């Protein structure tokens, strides 16, 4: 966790516009905002309205430098899409612009995301002892063992 306070929306907009001029020498003329519903990504570029959304959790966990990286990455999508060039992750234009602007290809993995994916539930068949590992809860009243149709019990 960083000690810097989280950016306000006007500060985020000003930062994005400044980064666009500094690294791309072109203006960013659309809206940038936070989207706390983003879970697996640091940000996203919206093709429909040319806006950029940033995951606020990135700034909370990794600080301002990582937010700058996410914004630069999304600006690569933005400027290439506006120009009608290859803006997708696999396109050579996109990869070249990432390298030219020193933008990250991926953002760091969120700690909050890692913790939620580690919770694995273990079920055992009471009859044959077969173990099942699942991320989601299994309704033991409804489902049975696939091998012998015995009763399942959570054994964590």
C-alpha atoms as a PDB file:
ATOM      1  CA  UNK A   1       0.000   0.000   0.000  1.00  0.00           C
ATOM      2  CA  UNK A   2       1.207   3.432  -0.891  1.00  0.00           C
ATOM      3  CA  UNK A   3       0.870   6.549   1.262  1.00  0.00           C
ATOM      4  CA  UNK A   4      -0.197   8.796  -1.609  1.00  0.00           C
ATOM      5  CA  UNK A   5      -3.904   9.659  -1.624  1.00  0.00           C
ATOM      6  CA  UNK A   6      -5.996   8.306  -4.484  1.00  0.00           C
ATOM      7  CA  UNK A   7      -6.393  10.682  -7.436  1.00  0.00           C
ATOM      8  CA  UNK A   8      -9.655  12.551  -7.864  1.00  0.00           C
ATOM      9  CA  UNK A   9     -11.462  12.319 -11.224  1.00  0.00           C
ATOM     10  CA  UNK A  10     -10.237  15.776 -12.391  1.00  0.00           C
ATOM     11  CA  UNK A  11      -6.660  14.856 -11.368  1.00  0.00           C
ATOM     12  CA  UNK A  12      -6.952  11.548 -13.218  1.00  0.00           C
ATOM     13  CA  UNK A  13      -8.238  13.372 -16.313  1.00  0.00           C
ATOM     14  CA  UNK A  14      -5.381  15.915 -16.144  1.00  0.00           C
ATOM     15  CA  UNK A  15      -2.810  13.132 -15.673  1.00  0.00           C
ATOM     16  CA  UNK A  16      -4.165  11.249 -18.692  1.00  0.00           C
ATOM     17  CA  UNK A  17      -4.120  14.368 -20.874  1.00  0.00           C
ATOM     18  CA  UNK A  18      -0.543  15.171 -19.769  1.00  0.00           C
ATOM     19  CA  UNK A  19       0.669  11.603 -20.433  1.00  0.00           C
ATOM     20  CA  UNK A  20      -0.953  11.666 -23.849  1.00  0.00           C
ATOM     21  CA  UNK A  21       0.903  14.829 -24.832  1.00  0.00           C
ATOM     22  CA  UNK A  22       4.191  13.734 -23.234  1.00  0.00           C
ATOM     23  CA  UNK A  23       4.402  10.214 -24.707  1.00  0.00           C
ATOM     24  CA  UNK A  24       2.176  10.302 -27.805  1.00  0.00           C
ATOM     25  CA  UNK A  25       2.388  14.012 -28.773  1.00  0.00           C
ATOM     26  CA  UNK A  26      -1.376  13.924 -29.393  1.00  0.00           C
ATOM     27  CA  UNK A  27      -4.250  15.184 -27.251  1.00  0.00           C
ATOM     28  CA  UNK A  28      -6.588  12.902 -25.312  1.00  0.00           C
ATOM     29  CA  UNK A  29     -10.003  14.454 -25.950  1.00  0.00           C
ATOM     30  CA  UNK A  30     -12.328  12.049 -24.176  1.00  0.00           C
ATOM     31  CA  UNK A  31     -13.215  11.007 -20.626  1.00  0.00           C
ATOM     32  CA  UNK A  32     -11.224   8.933 -18.160  1.00  0.00           C
ATOM     33  CA  UNK A  33     -12.837   7.575 -14.980  1.00  0.00           C
ATOM     34  CA  UNK A  34     -12.528   4.961 -12.262  1.00  0.00           C
ATOM     35  CA  UNK A  35     -14.500   1.720 -12.484  1.00  0.00           C
ATOM     36  CA  UNK A  36     -14.451  -0.264  -9.251  1.00  0.00           C
ATOM     37  CA  UNK A  37     -16.281  -3.183 -10.920  1.00  0.00           C
ATOM     38  CA  UNK A  38     -13.113  -4.122 -12.841  1.00  0.00           C
ATOM     39  CA  UNK A  39     -11.684  -7.257 -11.225  1.00  0.00           C
ATOM     40  CA  UNK A  40      -9.159  -8.882 -13.543  1.00  0.00           C
ATOM     41  CA  UNK A  41      -7.685  -5.885 -15.328  1.00  0.00           C
ATOM     42  CA  UNK A  42      -6.010  -2.589 -14.494  1.00  0.00           C
ATOM     43  CA  UNK A  43      -8.048  -0.613 -16.987  1.00  0.00           C
ATOM     44  CA  UNK A  44      -9.920  -0.726 -20.260  1.00  0.00           C
ATOM     45  CA  UNK A  45     -10.440   1.362 -23.363  1.00  0.00           C
ATOM     46  CA  UNK A  46     -14.052   1.607 -24.552  1.00  0.00           C
ATOM     47  CA  UNK A  47     -14.296   1.408 -28.346  1.00  0.00           C
ATOM     48  CA  UNK A  48     -17.838   2.799 -28.414  1.00  0.00           C
ATOM     49  CA  UNK A  49     -17.228   6.173 -26.759  1.00  0.00           C
ATOM     50  CA  UNK A  50     -13.386   6.314 -26.659  1.00  0.00           C
ATOM     51  CA  UNK A  51     -13.358   6.608 -22.874  1.00  0.00           C
ATOM     52  CA  UNK A  52     -10.824   4.978 -20.565  1.00  0.00           C
ATOM     53  CA  UNK A  53     -11.702   3.272 -17.290  1.00  0.00           C
ATOM     54  CA  UNK A  54      -9.118   2.621 -14.568  1.00  0.00           C
ATOM     55  CA  UNK A  55      -9.400   0.115 -11.730  1.00  0.00           C
ATOM     56  CA  UNK A  56      -8.974   2.151  -8.491  1.00  0.00           C
ATOM     57  CA  UNK A  57      -7.640  -0.948  -6.707  1.00  0.00           C
ATOM     58  CA  UNK A  58      -4.450  -0.694  -8.807  1.00  0.00           C
ATOM     59  CA  UNK A  59      -3.593   2.663  -7.239  1.00  0.00           C
ATOM     60  CA  UNK A  60      -4.463   1.464  -3.738  1.00  0.00           C
ATOM     61  CA  UNK A  61      -2.260  -1.645  -3.977  1.00  0.00           C
ATOM     62  CA  UNK A  62       0.632  -0.503  -6.186  1.00  0.00           C
ATOM     63  CA  UNK A  63       0.662   3.296  -6.189  1.00  0.00           C
ATOM     64  CA  UNK A  64       0.751   6.062  -8.741  1.00  0.00           C
ATOM     65  CA  UNK A  65       3.473   4.576 -10.964  1.00  0.00           C
ATOM     66  CA  UNK A  66       1.356   1.532 -11.796  1.00  0.00           C
ATOM     67  CA  UNK A  67      -1.635   3.786 -12.618  1.00  0.00           C
ATOM     68  CA  UNK A  68       0.597   5.737 -15.012  1.00  0.00           C
ATOM     69  CA  UNK A  69       1.533   2.434 -16.686  1.00  0.00           C
ATOM     70  CA  UNK A  70      -2.113   1.396 -17.016  1.00  0.00           C
ATOM     71  CA  UNK A  71      -3.071   4.786 -18.491  1.00  0.00           C
ATOM     72  CA  UNK A  72      -0.191   4.645 -21.000  1.00  0.00           C
ATOM     73  CA  UNK A  73      -1.275   1.130 -22.032  1.00  0.00           C
ATOM     74  CA  UNK A  74      -4.878   2.260 -22.553  1.00  0.00           C
ATOM     75  CA  UNK A  75      -3.700   5.353 -24.439  1.00  0.00           C
ATOM     76  CA  UNK A  76      -1.929   3.027 -26.879  1.00  0.00           C
ATOM     77  CA  UNK A  77      -5.313   1.382 -27.594  1.00  0.00           C
ATOM     78  CA  UNK A  78      -6.941   4.825 -27.824  1.00  0.00           C
ATOM     79  CA  UNK A  79      -4.553   6.498 -30.259  1.00  0.00           C
ATOM     80  CA  UNK A  80      -4.225   3.457 -32.531  1.00  0.00           C
ATOM     81  CA  UNK A  81      -8.008   2.997 -32.668  1.00  0.00           C
ATOM     82  CA  UNK A  82      -8.561   6.693 -33.467  1.00  0.00           C
ATOM     83  CA  UNK A  83      -5.988   6.429 -36.287  1.00  0.00           C
ATOM     84  CA  UNK A  84      -7.558   3.256 -37.681  1.00  0.00           C
ATOM     85  CA  UNK A  85      -4.472   1.134 -37.021  1.00  0.00           C
ATOM     86  CA  UNK A  86      -4.103  -2.198 -35.195  1.00  0.00           C
ATOM     87  CA  UNK A  87      -5.159  -1.483 -31.605  1.00  0.00           C
ATOM     88  CA  UNK A  88      -5.638  -5.051 -30.304  1.00  0.00           C
ATOM     89  CA  UNK A  89      -3.140  -6.805 -28.026  1.00  0.00           C
ATOM     90  CA  UNK A  90      -1.873  -9.138 -30.758  1.00  0.00           C
ATOM     91  CA  UNK A  91      -1.391  -6.468 -33.442  1.00  0.00           C
ATOM     92  CA  UNK A  92       2.152  -5.496 -34.399  1.00  0.00           C
ATOM     93  CA  UNK A  93       1.227  -1.769 -34.374  1.00  0.00           C
ATOM     94  CA  UNK A  94       0.095  -2.100 -30.764  1.00  0.00           C
ATOM     95  CA  UNK A  95       3.197  -4.002 -29.644  1.00  0.00           C
ATOM     96  CA  UNK A  96       5.474  -1.482 -31.377  1.00  0.00           C
ATOM     97  CA  UNK A  97       3.726   1.492 -29.745  1.00  0.00           C
ATOM     98  CA  UNK A  98       3.945  -0.156 -26.311  1.00  0.00           C
ATOM     99  CA  UNK A  99       7.685  -0.533 -26.777  1.00  0.00           C
ATOM    100  CA  UNK A 100       8.124   3.001 -28.154  1.00  0.00           C
ATOM    101  CA  UNK A 101       6.259   4.610 -25.236  1.00  0.00           C
ATOM    102  CA  UNK A 102       7.727   2.282 -22.584  1.00  0.00           C
ATOM    103  CA  UNK A 103       4.233   1.103 -21.624  1.00  0.00           C
ATOM    104  CA  UNK A 104       3.633  -2.185 -19.796  1.00  0.00           C
ATOM    105  CA  UNK A 105       2.068  -5.071 -21.716  1.00  0.00           C
ATOM    106  CA  UNK A 106       0.292  -6.317 -18.568  1.00  0.00           C
ATOM    107  CA  UNK A 107      -0.444  -4.766 -15.194  1.00  0.00           C
ATOM    108  CA  UNK A 108       0.582  -6.366 -11.915  1.00  0.00           C
ATOM    109  CA  UNK A 109      -1.726  -9.010 -10.521  1.00  0.00           C
ATOM    110  CA  UNK A 110      -4.021  -7.741  -7.780  1.00  0.00           C
ATOM    111  CA  UNK A 111      -3.499  -9.211  -4.307  1.00  0.00           C
ATOM    112  CA  UNK A 112      -7.235  -9.146  -3.626  1.00  0.00           C
ATOM    113  CA  UNK A 113      -7.759 -11.237  -6.783  1.00  0.00           C
ATOM    114  CA  UNK A 114      -5.121 -13.789  -5.767  1.00  0.00           C
ATOM    115  CA  UNK A 115      -6.657 -14.368  -2.344  1.00  0.00           C
ATOM    116  CA  UNK A 116     -10.115 -15.117  -3.712  1.00  0.00           C
ATOM    117  CA  UNK A 117      -8.816 -17.686  -6.220  1.00  0.00           C
ATOM    118  CA  UNK A 118      -6.923 -19.632  -3.520  1.00  0.00           C
ATOM    119  CA  UNK A 119      -9.976 -20.703  -1.539  1.00  0.00           C
ATOM    120  CA  UNK A 120     -10.418 -24.300  -2.685  1.00  0.00           C
ATOM    121  CA  UNK A 121     -13.056 -26.556  -1.190  1.00  0.00           C
ATOM    122  CA  UNK A 122     -12.317 -30.244  -0.804  1.00  0.00           C
ATOM    123  CA  UNK A 123     -15.079 -32.840  -0.905  1.00  0.00           C
ATOM    124  CA  UNK A 124     -14.726 -36.564  -0.236  1.00  0.00           C
ATOM    125  CA  UNK A 125     -17.004 -39.423  -1.088  1.00  0.00           C
ATOM    126  CA  UNK A 126     -18.150 -41.182   2.086  1.00  0.00           C
ATOM    127  CA  UNK A 127     -18.336 -44.528   0.260  1.00  0.00           C
ATOM    128  CA  UNK A 128     -15.204 -44.832  -1.943  1.00  0.00           C
ATOM    129  CA  UNK A 129     -13.090 -41.960  -0.524  1.00  0.00           C
ATOM    130  CA  UNK A 130     -12.555 -40.178  -3.867  1.00  0.00           C
ATOM    131  CA  UNK A 131     -11.467 -36.540  -3.375  1.00  0.00           C
ATOM    132  CA  UNK A 132     -12.888 -33.587  -5.331  1.00  0.00           C
ATOM    133  CA  UNK A 133     -11.294 -30.123  -5.284  1.00  0.00           C
ATOM    134  CA  UNK A 134     -13.606 -27.287  -6.277  1.00  0.00           C
ATOM    135  CA  UNK A 135     -13.425 -23.489  -6.274  1.00  0.00           C
ATOM    136  CA  UNK A 136     -17.182 -23.199  -5.938  1.00  0.00           C
ATOM    137  CA  UNK A 137     -19.394 -24.712  -3.270  1.00  0.00           C
ATOM    138  CA  UNK A 138     -21.077 -28.001  -4.200  1.00  0.00           C
ATOM    139  CA  UNK A 139     -24.618 -28.729  -3.032  1.00  0.00           C
ATOM    140  CA  UNK A 140     -24.021 -32.074  -1.303  1.00  0.00           C
ATOM    141  CA  UNK A 141     -27.766 -32.716  -1.012  1.00  0.00           C
ATOM    142  CA  UNK A 142     -28.109 -32.590  -4.791  1.00  0.00           C
ATOM    143  CA  UNK A 143     -24.811 -33.965  -6.154  1.00  0.00           C
ATOM    144  CA  UNK A 144     -23.217 -37.368  -5.582  1.00  0.00           C
ATOM    145  CA  UNK A 145     -19.879 -39.019  -6.321  1.00  0.00           C
ATOM    146  CA  UNK A 146     -19.290 -39.530 -10.048  1.00  0.00           C
ATOM    147  CA  UNK A 147     -17.645 -42.902  -9.493  1.00  0.00           C
ATOM    148  CA  UNK A 148     -19.905 -44.750  -7.061  1.00  0.00           C
ATOM    149  CA  UNK A 149     -22.839 -42.334  -6.467  1.00  0.00           C
ATOM    150  CA  UNK A 150     -21.950 -42.112  -2.776  1.00  0.00           C
ATOM    151  CA  UNK A 151     -22.693 -39.144  -0.518  1.00  0.00           C
ATOM    152  CA  UNK A 152     -20.221 -36.210  -0.650  1.00  0.00           C
ATOM    153  CA  UNK A 153     -18.974 -34.436   2.437  1.00  0.00           C
ATOM    154  CA  UNK A 154     -16.814 -31.298   2.665  1.00  0.00           C
ATOM    155  CA  UNK A 155     -13.515 -32.196   4.352  1.00  0.00           C
ATOM    156  CA  UNK A 156     -11.506 -28.998   4.782  1.00  0.00           C
END
